[in-house]
Amino acid sequence: MERITAANNLIIEYEPEHWRLLQNGGGAERVLVETAPDASLRYPGSFGVVYRLPETGVLDSSGVDRVVLGWSAKDQTWHLGLMLDETLAQARGSRWCGLARWNETEPNGATQAGKQLASQIRRPFLLVPPKTAPANSVVAASPAPVRASAPAVEAPVYQPAPQVVDAVPPPALPELPYELDDWRLDRAADGRLLFTLMTSSARRALKALWYALWAVIFAVLSITSLTVNLAPPQPTVLPYIGIVGAVFLLGLAIYTLLRGRNIITRVEVDGVLGVITGFKGNGQAWQYPRNEIKGIYASQVVSKVNRRNHNRAVDYGELSLLLHSGEFEPVIIGVKLDEKITVEFATDDDVAVLNADGVSPLTVYTAKNKVQAAALKVAEALNINAVDDRRIR
């Protein structure tokens, strides 16, 4: 397997059957783009948002016109990227999608990496050297037949800088703080994200006391009706039901007090250290570094839609971490929501998909409420993927 480094802590890794672009951050390597056996390119939702690629996380090879490695005189840098077809270019505002760049005069291995990518997605490869080179030094190599609509040799309009071709910024998330039922998300002075459970210990104690008071009332009434020499209550089983109710309420009071000591009351997200930590009443409950986290799920219970009603009710939400071990760790739970979101669709097939449970990449373009926005804030801080988890009720 061959590995070459590029600017911004990027690494290209390839072998005859697989090519991928990785980002090295915090001692962990994260896959940004990789080839699939069907010649498509796969990428996480966050990458698709930044580069305005399909939100499905899959770019079919038919959407790529060619792979280009070219020299930009403007920034004196070599750029490797994709020249996309016209249909996709119109949707995103540019044909050029940059992947990696090098400041070296002649990047070692970049040409071979570009050819390998072109070969695996079955598209042509084009090398664009500095303009000072002889005209006949422009070499076009085609590992797969060029489509009839494209000439065999073409002098492309080369636009290497992603910050120029993707100049229109994505939609902005709502400003912090977020009120999420009993939870509040805010940013500390040092930049950390803080989830705080607003339900205080005094409120939980008052709730437990209320349950205990009703337990005493039920017990006194029930025992009195059995011991006082009066007409028996009707039905005769009523006092015993009262005693059972008293025991239940007393148990509920004890559970409320104990649960207050064991539930997560604060979650800290430190983007600098790359860790997320959950705290409960008696101290730290759990902590995970970013290299143990596969993504964060924004799970919501929503209503169905139909051809006449494009508004969907959102009743409940929670955030959970998906670990590389396959386990889920709740971040915040029990977020009761009472809101409506508008869903756009065109056909009956769209309605069928929207009315089924589903998991899909969560992006700033698909986020509809503050639970999803909170997931994106965490994903941005930890440099992990965000996922929309839809549950139909």
Protein backbone atom coordinates (compact mmCIF):
# COMPACT_ATOMS: atom_id res chain seq x y z
CA MET A 1 0.00 0.00 0.00
CA GLU A 2 1.34 3.45 -0.97
CA ARG A 3 0.92 6.51 1.27
CA ILE A 4 1.77 10.11 0.42
CA THR A 5 1.23 13.24 2.49
CA ALA A 6 -0.39 16.50 1.36
CA ALA A 7 -0.99 19.93 2.88
CA ASN A 8 -3.36 20.43 5.84
CA ASN A 9 -2.49 17.08 7.44
CA LEU A 10 -3.98 15.09 4.57
CA ILE A 11 -2.81 11.63 3.54
CA ILE A 12 -3.54 9.73 0.34
CA GLU A 13 -3.43 5.98 0.71
CA TYR A 14 -3.91 3.65 -2.26
CA GLU A 15 -3.45 0.16 -3.58
CA PRO A 16 -4.67 -1.45 -6.83
CA GLU A 17 -8.26 -1.95 -5.57
CA HIS A 18 -8.71 0.88 -3.08
CA TRP A 19 -7.98 4.62 -2.83
CA ARG A 20 -8.77 6.92 0.05
CA LEU A 21 -8.08 10.40 1.38
CA LEU A 22 -7.53 10.71 5.13
CA GLN A 23 -7.17 13.57 7.56
CA ASN A 24 -4.67 13.20 10.39
CA GLY A 25 -5.82 15.09 13.45
CA GLY A 26 -5.28 14.55 17.14
CA GLY A 27 -3.26 11.41 16.49
CA ALA A 28 -6.17 9.73 14.69
CA GLU A 29 -6.79 9.30 10.96
CA ARG A 30 -10.27 10.01 9.65
CA VAL A 31 -11.45 8.92 6.21
CA LEU A 32 -12.68 11.84 4.09
CA VAL A 33 -13.14 10.16 0.71
CA GLU A 34 -12.68 6.59 -0.48
CA THR A 35 -13.43 4.53 -3.56
CA ALA A 36 -15.97 1.71 -3.56
CA PRO A 37 -16.02 -1.52 -5.63
CA ASP A 38 -18.76 -0.08 -7.88
CA ALA A 39 -16.37 2.76 -8.94
CA SER A 40 -18.22 5.36 -6.87
CA LEU A 41 -16.75 7.67 -4.24
CA ARG A 42 -17.97 7.48 -0.63
CA TYR A 43 -17.59 10.25 1.96
CA PRO A 44 -19.07 11.35 5.32
CA GLY A 45 -21.91 13.86 5.44
CA SER A 46 -19.71 16.65 6.82
CA PHE A 47 -17.40 16.37 3.79
CA GLY A 48 -20.40 16.49 1.46
CA VAL A 49 -21.61 19.69 3.11
CA VAL A 50 -18.27 21.48 2.77
CA TYR A 51 -17.78 20.47 -0.87
CA ARG A 52 -21.46 20.57 -1.85
CA LEU A 53 -21.62 16.99 -2.99
CA PRO A 54 -24.75 14.80 -2.83
CA GLU A 55 -25.99 14.42 0.74
CA THR A 56 -26.32 10.65 0.25
CA GLY A 57 -22.58 10.36 0.87
CA VAL A 58 -22.09 8.71 -2.53
CA LEU A 59 -20.75 10.29 -5.73
CA ASP A 60 -21.29 8.03 -8.72
CA SER A 61 -18.50 7.96 -11.29
CA SER A 62 -20.98 9.24 -13.90
CA GLY A 63 -20.92 12.57 -12.03
CA VAL A 64 -17.16 12.92 -12.57
CA ASP A 65 -15.85 14.10 -15.92
CA ARG A 66 -12.18 13.48 -15.10
CA VAL A 67 -9.53 13.50 -12.38
CA VAL A 68 -7.10 16.44 -12.65
CA LEU A 69 -3.68 17.15 -11.17
CA GLY A 70 -2.71 20.71 -12.03
CA TRP A 71 -0.37 23.55 -11.17
CA SER A 72 -1.91 26.84 -9.98
CA ALA A 73 0.29 29.84 -10.69
CA LYS A 74 -1.93 31.95 -8.44
CA ASP A 75 -0.91 30.21 -5.21
CA GLN A 76 2.14 28.34 -6.53
CA THR A 77 0.59 25.04 -5.52
CA TRP A 78 -0.27 21.69 -7.11
CA HIS A 79 -3.92 20.64 -6.74
CA LEU A 80 -5.53 17.22 -7.14
CA GLY A 81 -9.27 17.16 -7.63
CA LEU A 82 -12.32 16.19 -9.64
CA MET A 83 -13.77 17.96 -12.66
CA LEU A 84 -17.50 17.25 -12.28
CA ASP A 85 -20.12 16.95 -14.99
CA GLU A 86 -22.38 19.85 -15.94
CA THR A 87 -25.48 18.64 -14.10
CA LEU A 88 -23.73 18.41 -10.75
CA ALA A 89 -21.78 21.60 -11.44
CA GLN A 90 -24.99 23.59 -11.89
CA ALA A 91 -26.31 22.36 -8.53
CA ARG A 92 -23.14 23.33 -6.62
CA GLY A 93 -21.99 26.35 -8.64
CA SER A 94 -18.69 24.97 -9.93
CA ARG A 95 -17.21 22.02 -11.80
CA TRP A 96 -14.04 21.88 -9.70
CA CYS A 97 -13.93 19.86 -6.46
CA GLY A 98 -10.48 19.98 -4.87
CA LEU A 99 -9.23 17.03 -2.81
CA ALA A 100 -5.57 17.68 -1.94
CA ARG A 101 -2.76 20.14 -2.61
CA TRP A 102 1.03 20.31 -2.38
CA ASN A 103 3.40 23.24 -2.05
CA GLU A 104 6.33 21.33 -3.55
CA THR A 105 7.47 22.15 -7.07
CA GLU A 106 7.08 18.52 -8.05
CA PRO A 107 4.95 16.60 -5.54
CA ASN A 108 6.40 13.16 -5.04
CA GLY A 109 3.82 10.49 -5.88
CA ALA A 110 0.93 12.88 -6.61
CA THR A 111 0.74 11.94 -10.29
CA GLN A 112 0.54 8.23 -9.52
CA ALA A 113 -2.05 8.88 -6.80
CA GLY A 114 -4.17 10.82 -9.31
CA LYS A 115 -3.88 8.06 -11.90
CA GLN A 116 -4.86 5.43 -9.35
CA LEU A 117 -7.94 7.43 -8.37
CA ALA A 118 -8.93 7.87 -12.01
CA SER A 119 -8.42 4.17 -12.67
CA GLN A 120 -10.55 3.05 -9.74
CA ILE A 121 -13.50 5.32 -10.59
CA ARG A 122 -13.00 4.57 -14.33
CA ARG A 123 -12.56 8.16 -15.43
CA PRO A 124 -9.79 9.90 -17.46
CA PHE A 125 -6.79 11.48 -15.79
CA LEU A 126 -5.43 14.86 -16.88
CA LEU A 127 -2.09 16.37 -15.87
CA VAL A 128 -1.86 20.17 -16.19
CA PRO A 129 1.80 21.27 -15.66
CA PRO A 130 3.00 24.87 -15.17
CA LYS A 131 2.46 27.11 -18.20
CA THR A 132 6.21 27.54 -18.57
CA ALA A 133 6.45 23.94 -19.71
CA PRO A 134 6.37 23.18 -23.46
CA ALA A 135 2.94 22.88 -24.89
CA ASN A 136 3.46 19.26 -25.91
CA SER A 137 4.20 18.33 -22.28
CA VAL A 138 0.51 18.32 -21.38
CA VAL A 139 -0.25 14.65 -21.03
CA ALA A 140 -3.73 13.17 -20.88
CA ALA A 141 -3.93 9.58 -19.78
CA SER A 142 -7.23 7.72 -19.93
CA PRO A 143 -7.49 4.54 -17.86
CA ALA A 144 -11.05 4.15 -19.07
CA PRO A 145 -12.70 5.09 -22.39
CA VAL A 146 -13.54 8.80 -22.58
CA ARG A 147 -17.22 9.51 -23.08
CA ALA A 148 -18.18 10.54 -26.58
CA SER A 149 -19.41 13.90 -25.38
CA ALA A 150 -15.90 14.93 -24.23
CA PRO A 151 -12.98 15.54 -26.62
CA ALA A 152 -9.93 13.32 -26.19
CA VAL A 153 -7.70 16.30 -25.31
CA GLU A 154 -9.10 19.45 -23.80
CA ALA A 155 -7.52 22.52 -22.21
CA PRO A 156 -9.77 22.87 -19.13
CA VAL A 157 -10.51 26.05 -17.34
CA TYR A 158 -8.63 25.14 -14.21
CA GLN A 159 -9.95 26.53 -10.90
CA PRO A 160 -7.84 25.04 -8.16
CA ALA A 161 -8.82 26.94 -5.03
CA PRO A 162 -11.83 25.45 -3.17
CA GLN A 163 -12.31 28.66 -1.24
CA VAL A 164 -12.98 30.44 -4.55
CA VAL A 165 -15.19 27.90 -6.32
CA ASP A 166 -17.20 27.20 -3.17
CA ALA A 167 -17.44 30.82 -2.11
CA VAL A 168 -21.13 30.79 -1.11
CA PRO A 169 -21.20 29.71 2.56
CA PRO A 170 -23.56 26.99 3.81
CA PRO A 171 -26.56 28.00 5.96
CA ALA A 172 -25.59 29.16 9.45
CA LEU A 173 -26.77 27.25 12.52
CA PRO A 174 -28.82 29.15 15.13
CA GLU A 175 -26.75 31.06 17.67
CA LEU A 176 -26.15 29.54 21.09
CA PRO A 177 -27.54 29.06 23.69
CA TYR A 178 -30.11 26.36 22.82
CA GLU A 179 -32.99 25.57 25.19
CA LEU A 180 -33.73 21.84 24.81
CA ASP A 181 -36.58 21.18 27.24
CA ASP A 182 -34.80 20.68 30.60
CA TRP A 183 -31.37 20.92 28.92
CA ARG A 184 -29.41 23.98 27.90
CA LEU A 185 -26.48 24.05 25.46
CA ASP A 186 -24.11 26.99 25.69
CA ARG A 187 -20.46 27.82 25.02
CA ALA A 188 -18.07 28.53 27.90
CA ALA A 189 -15.56 31.36 27.84
CA ASP A 190 -12.77 28.89 26.98
CA GLY A 191 -14.66 27.59 23.93
CA ARG A 192 -16.01 24.33 25.38
CA LEU A 193 -19.60 23.32 24.66
CA LEU A 194 -21.63 22.73 27.84
CA PHE A 195 -24.88 20.75 28.13
CA THR A 196 -26.50 21.52 31.50
CA LEU A 197 -29.59 19.83 32.96
CA MET A 198 -31.69 22.69 34.30
CA THR A 199 -33.77 20.45 36.61
CA SER A 200 -32.17 21.17 40.00
CA SER A 201 -31.63 18.78 42.89
CA ALA A 202 -34.03 20.91 44.98
CA ARG A 203 -36.75 20.38 42.38
CA ARG A 204 -36.17 16.62 42.42
CA ALA A 205 -36.28 16.59 46.23
CA LEU A 206 -39.56 18.52 46.21
CA LYS A 207 -41.00 16.06 43.70
CA ALA A 208 -39.95 13.11 45.89
CA LEU A 209 -41.49 14.80 48.96
CA TRP A 210 -44.75 15.26 47.08
CA TYR A 211 -44.87 11.55 46.23
CA ALA A 212 -44.09 10.66 49.85
CA LEU A 213 -46.85 12.97 51.15
CA TRP A 214 -49.47 11.29 48.97
CA ALA A 215 -48.16 7.88 50.05
CA VAL A 216 -48.79 8.84 53.69
CA ILE A 217 -52.30 10.15 52.88
CA PHE A 218 -53.22 6.95 51.01
CA ALA A 219 -51.85 4.79 53.84
CA VAL A 220 -53.66 6.70 56.61
CA LEU A 221 -57.01 6.65 54.80
CA SER A 222 -56.73 2.97 53.93
CA ILE A 223 -55.66 1.79 57.39
CA THR A 224 -58.25 4.00 59.12
CA SER A 225 -61.05 2.57 57.01
CA LEU A 226 -60.02 -0.94 58.12
CA THR A 227 -59.57 -0.22 61.84
CA VAL A 228 -62.32 2.27 62.69
CA ASN A 229 -65.65 0.69 63.64
CA LEU A 230 -67.66 2.23 60.84
CA ALA A 231 -69.58 0.91 57.88
CA PRO A 232 -67.09 -0.93 55.61
CA PRO A 233 -66.13 0.91 52.44
CA GLN A 234 -67.63 -0.16 49.17
CA PRO A 235 -66.17 -1.99 47.43
CA THR A 236 -64.43 -3.75 50.31
CA VAL A 237 -61.21 -4.12 48.31
CA LEU A 238 -60.79 -0.32 48.15
CA PRO A 239 -58.60 0.04 51.30
CA TYR A 240 -56.20 -2.61 50.02
CA ILE A 241 -55.90 -0.79 46.71
CA GLY A 242 -55.08 2.33 48.70
CA ILE A 243 -52.31 0.51 50.59
CA VAL A 244 -50.82 -0.75 47.31
CA GLY A 245 -50.98 2.80 45.94
CA ALA A 246 -49.18 4.11 49.03
CA VAL A 247 -46.38 1.57 48.62
CA PHE A 248 -46.08 2.48 44.93
CA LEU A 249 -45.85 6.22 45.67
CA LEU A 250 -43.28 5.64 48.40
CA GLY A 251 -41.19 3.60 45.96
CA LEU A 252 -41.54 6.37 43.37
CA ALA A 253 -40.29 8.91 45.91
CA ILE A 254 -37.23 6.79 46.71
CA TYR A 255 -36.56 6.20 42.99
CA THR A 256 -36.75 9.95 42.26
CA LEU A 257 -34.14 10.68 44.94
CA LEU A 258 -31.79 7.89 43.86
CA ARG A 259 -32.16 8.69 40.17
CA GLY A 260 -31.11 12.28 40.86
CA ARG A 261 -27.75 10.95 42.04
CA ASN A 262 -27.18 8.71 39.00
CA ILE A 263 -28.41 10.68 36.00
CA ILE A 264 -26.13 12.78 33.80
CA THR A 265 -26.51 16.42 34.74
CA ARG A 266 -23.68 17.99 32.71
CA VAL A 267 -21.82 17.16 29.50
CA GLU A 268 -18.67 18.98 28.41
CA VAL A 269 -17.36 18.94 24.83
CA ASP A 270 -13.73 20.06 24.55
CA GLY A 271 -12.82 20.53 20.90
CA VAL A 272 -9.20 21.45 21.68
CA LEU A 273 -8.50 18.24 23.60
CA GLY A 274 -10.92 16.29 21.42
CA VAL A 275 -12.88 14.72 24.31
CA ILE A 276 -16.49 14.63 25.51
CA THR A 277 -17.21 14.02 29.20
CA GLY A 278 -20.43 13.25 31.07
CA PHE A 279 -20.89 14.16 34.76
CA LYS A 280 -23.46 13.04 37.33
CA GLY A 281 -24.07 13.99 40.95
CA ASN A 282 -21.04 12.24 42.40
CA GLY A 283 -18.53 13.09 39.66
CA GLN A 284 -17.42 11.99 36.20
CA ALA A 285 -19.57 9.24 34.68
CA TRP A 286 -17.82 8.67 31.33
CA GLN A 287 -15.33 10.22 28.93
CA TYR A 288 -14.53 9.45 25.27
CA PRO A 289 -11.80 10.87 23.02
CA ARG A 290 -12.71 11.55 19.40
CA ASN A 291 -10.80 8.52 18.12
CA GLU A 292 -13.24 6.23 19.97
CA ILE A 293 -16.33 7.92 18.50
CA LYS A 294 -17.79 7.02 15.13
CA GLY A 295 -20.48 9.72 15.14
CA ILE A 296 -23.24 11.49 17.03
CA TYR A 297 -26.89 10.56 16.45
CA ALA A 298 -29.75 13.06 16.66
CA SER A 299 -32.73 10.74 17.26
CA GLN A 300 -36.25 12.11 17.01
CA VAL A 301 -39.78 10.72 17.17
CA VAL A 302 -41.83 12.32 14.38
CA SER A 303 -45.26 11.97 12.82
CA LYS A 304 -46.11 10.84 9.31
CA VAL A 305 -46.74 13.15 6.37
CA ASN A 306 -49.05 12.80 3.37
CA ARG A 307 -49.66 14.43 0.00
CA ARG A 308 -51.93 17.06 1.56
CA ASN A 309 -50.00 17.71 4.77
CA HIS A 310 -46.32 18.65 4.46
CA ASN A 311 -46.02 19.51 8.17
CA ARG A 312 -44.58 16.89 10.49
CA ALA A 313 -44.84 16.96 14.31
CA VAL A 314 -41.68 16.35 16.35
CA ASP A 315 -42.48 15.02 19.82
CA TYR A 316 -39.24 13.74 21.36
CA GLY A 317 -35.50 13.97 20.84
CA GLU A 318 -32.18 12.79 22.23
CA LEU A 319 -28.47 12.80 21.37
CA SER A 320 -26.27 9.71 21.54
CA LEU A 321 -22.68 8.83 20.66
CA LEU A 322 -22.03 5.84 18.41
CA LEU A 323 -18.69 4.36 19.46
CA HIS A 324 -16.36 2.38 17.22
CA SER A 325 -17.14 -0.59 19.46
CA GLY A 326 -20.73 -0.48 18.16
CA GLU A 327 -22.20 0.68 21.48
CA PHE A 328 -24.27 3.82 22.02
CA GLU A 329 -23.66 6.27 24.86
CA PRO A 330 -26.54 8.69 25.62
CA VAL A 331 -25.50 12.34 25.78
CA ILE A 332 -28.85 13.98 26.55
CA ILE A 333 -32.19 12.17 26.73
CA GLY A 334 -35.81 12.98 27.49
CA VAL A 335 -36.04 16.11 25.36
CA LYS A 336 -39.76 16.71 24.95
CA LEU A 337 -40.52 18.71 21.84
CA ASP A 338 -43.70 20.31 20.58
CA GLU A 339 -42.92 21.69 17.15
CA LYS A 340 -43.76 21.39 13.50
CA ILE A 341 -41.30 21.11 10.61
CA THR A 342 -42.09 21.41 6.91
CA VAL A 343 -41.02 18.53 4.67
CA GLU A 344 -40.71 18.93 0.92
CA PHE A 345 -41.55 16.04 -1.41
CA ALA A 346 -42.98 15.51 -4.86
CA THR A 347 -44.14 11.92 -5.41
CA ASP A 348 -45.84 9.09 -3.56
CA ASP A 349 -42.49 7.30 -3.47
CA ASP A 350 -41.05 10.27 -1.57
CA VAL A 351 -43.90 10.02 0.96
CA ALA A 352 -43.25 6.30 1.48
CA VAL A 353 -39.58 6.96 2.22
CA LEU A 354 -40.34 9.85 4.57
CA ASN A 355 -42.88 7.74 6.49
CA ALA A 356 -40.37 4.99 7.27
CA ASP A 357 -37.78 4.90 10.01
CA GLY A 358 -34.48 6.02 8.55
CA VAL A 359 -30.88 6.98 9.24
CA SER A 360 -29.09 9.50 7.02
CA PRO A 361 -26.20 11.99 7.20
CA LEU A 362 -27.11 15.15 9.11
CA THR A 363 -25.90 18.42 7.58
CA VAL A 364 -26.59 22.13 7.93
CA TYR A 365 -28.82 21.77 4.87
CA THR A 366 -31.03 19.08 6.47
CA ALA A 367 -31.10 20.29 10.10
CA LYS A 368 -34.60 21.52 10.98
CA ASN A 369 -34.48 22.16 14.74
CA LYS A 370 -32.17 22.76 17.70
CA VAL A 371 -31.73 19.10 18.61
CA GLN A 372 -30.21 18.52 15.18
CA ALA A 373 -28.29 21.81 15.41
CA ALA A 374 -26.86 20.70 18.77
CA ALA A 375 -25.67 17.45 17.18
CA LEU A 376 -23.92 19.43 14.44
CA LYS A 377 -22.25 21.67 17.04
CA VAL A 378 -20.83 18.60 18.79
CA ALA A 379 -19.80 17.04 15.48
CA GLU A 380 -18.00 20.22 14.47
CA ALA A 381 -16.17 20.50 17.80
CA LEU A 382 -14.99 16.87 17.79
CA ASN A 383 -14.54 16.54 14.01
CA ILE A 384 -16.90 13.55 13.80
CA ASN A 385 -19.93 12.70 11.68
CA ALA A 386 -23.49 13.73 12.59
CA VAL A 387 -26.39 11.40 11.81
CA ASP A 388 -30.14 12.02 11.58
CA ASP A 389 -32.06 9.13 13.18
CA ARG A 390 -35.78 9.36 12.33
CA ARG A 391 -38.34 7.28 14.24
CA ILE A 392 -41.93 7.33 12.97
CA ARG A 393 -44.71 7.08 15.54
